[in-house]
Amino acid sequence: MNKSELIDAVARDSGLTKSDSEKALNSMVSAVEYALKEGEDVTLVGFGSFSVKKTAGRSGRNFRTGDPICIPPRMSVRFKPGKNLKDSVN
């Protein structure tokens, strides 16, 4: 399912127009992005939780030349599915 299909599904299930559903989805995504940028975790009970984890810097190797390279530390987003989501998939 892509974003436009998700917007269609939200509009169909909620009775909102497609444009209102798109605004709601974009607003939710923006709120989650902002919270993660601020270092907060986002928990949607039953669905799952988003968190930010810092990965350490490490050394790697250039695949083409074989030269060693330095991979800098960075922040990455993690998602842990909730029990209800796990149960509905299985």
Protein backbone atom coordinates (compact mmCIF):
# COMPACT_ATOMS: atom_id res chain seq x y z
CA MET A 1 0.00 0.00 0.00
CA ASN A 2 1.40 3.39 -0.96
CA LYS A 3 0.50 6.81 0.42
CA SER A 4 -2.36 7.54 -2.00
CA GLU A 5 -3.91 4.13 -1.31
CA LEU A 6 -3.64 4.80 2.43
CA ILE A 7 -5.34 8.18 1.98
CA ASP A 8 -8.15 6.48 0.03
CA ALA A 9 -8.58 3.86 2.77
CA VAL A 10 -8.68 6.51 5.52
CA ALA A 11 -11.23 8.54 3.57
CA ARG A 12 -13.41 5.48 2.98
CA ASP A 13 -13.28 4.28 6.62
CA SER A 14 -13.65 7.67 8.32
CA GLY A 15 -16.11 9.39 6.00
CA LEU A 16 -13.70 12.30 5.49
CA THR A 17 -12.92 13.71 2.08
CA LYS A 18 -9.69 12.63 0.40
CA SER A 19 -8.19 16.09 0.87
CA ASP A 20 -9.06 16.08 4.60
CA SER A 21 -7.65 12.58 4.94
CA GLU A 22 -4.44 13.68 3.22
CA LYS A 23 -4.14 16.68 5.57
CA ALA A 24 -4.68 14.43 8.59
CA LEU A 25 -2.08 11.91 7.42
CA ASN A 26 0.47 14.63 6.62
CA SER A 27 -0.16 16.22 10.01
CA MET A 28 0.39 12.91 11.81
CA VAL A 29 3.63 12.25 9.92
CA SER A 30 4.87 15.78 10.68
CA ALA A 31 4.05 15.41 14.38
CA VAL A 32 5.93 12.10 14.57
CA GLU A 33 8.93 13.58 12.72
CA TYR A 34 9.02 16.60 15.05
CA ALA A 35 8.82 14.45 18.18
CA LEU A 36 11.61 12.17 16.96
CA LYS A 37 13.80 15.18 16.07
CA GLU A 38 13.32 16.43 19.63
CA GLY A 39 14.49 13.07 20.97
CA GLU A 40 11.07 11.92 22.18
CA ASP A 41 9.60 8.47 21.68
CA VAL A 42 6.20 8.18 19.99
CA THR A 43 3.97 5.37 21.30
CA LEU A 44 0.68 4.43 19.67
CA VAL A 45 -0.82 1.88 22.06
CA GLY A 46 -1.69 -1.32 20.24
CA PHE A 47 0.09 -0.24 17.05
CA GLY A 48 3.70 0.28 18.05
CA SER A 49 6.35 2.75 19.08
CA PHE A 50 8.89 4.85 17.22
CA SER A 51 12.19 5.79 18.82
CA VAL A 52 15.54 7.25 17.83
CA LYS A 53 18.76 5.37 18.44
CA LYS A 54 22.30 6.61 17.96
CA THR A 55 24.51 4.25 16.00
CA ALA A 56 28.22 4.38 16.70
CA GLY A 57 30.79 5.32 14.11
CA ARG A 58 32.70 2.44 12.59
CA SER A 59 35.19 1.59 9.93
CA GLY A 60 34.10 0.06 6.66
CA ARG A 61 35.47 -0.79 3.26
CA ASN A 62 34.80 0.70 -0.17
CA PHE A 63 33.34 -2.17 -2.22
CA ARG A 64 34.91 -1.10 -5.51
CA THR A 65 38.43 -0.17 -4.43
CA GLY A 66 38.77 -2.05 -1.16
CA ASP A 67 40.03 1.09 0.59
CA PRO A 68 39.07 1.48 4.25
CA ILE A 69 36.59 4.28 4.99
CA CYS A 70 35.24 5.85 8.15
CA ILE A 71 31.45 5.65 8.62
CA PRO A 72 30.37 8.49 10.93
CA PRO A 73 27.95 8.03 13.84
CA ARG A 74 24.32 8.89 13.09
CA MET A 75 20.80 8.78 14.43
CA SER A 76 18.38 6.14 13.09
CA VAL A 77 14.67 5.60 13.61
CA ARG A 78 13.47 2.33 15.10
CA PHE A 79 9.93 0.93 15.07
CA LYS A 80 8.76 -1.72 17.49
CA PRO A 81 5.33 -3.17 16.67
CA GLY A 82 2.76 -3.44 19.45
CA LYS A 83 1.10 -6.64 20.59
CA ASN A 84 -2.20 -5.95 18.78
CA LEU A 85 -0.38 -5.34 15.48
CA LYS A 86 1.69 -8.50 15.88
CA ASP A 87 -1.39 -10.55 16.71
CA SER A 88 -3.40 -9.21 13.77
CA VAL A 89 -0.61 -10.06 11.32
CA ASN A 90 -0.16 -13.57 12.67
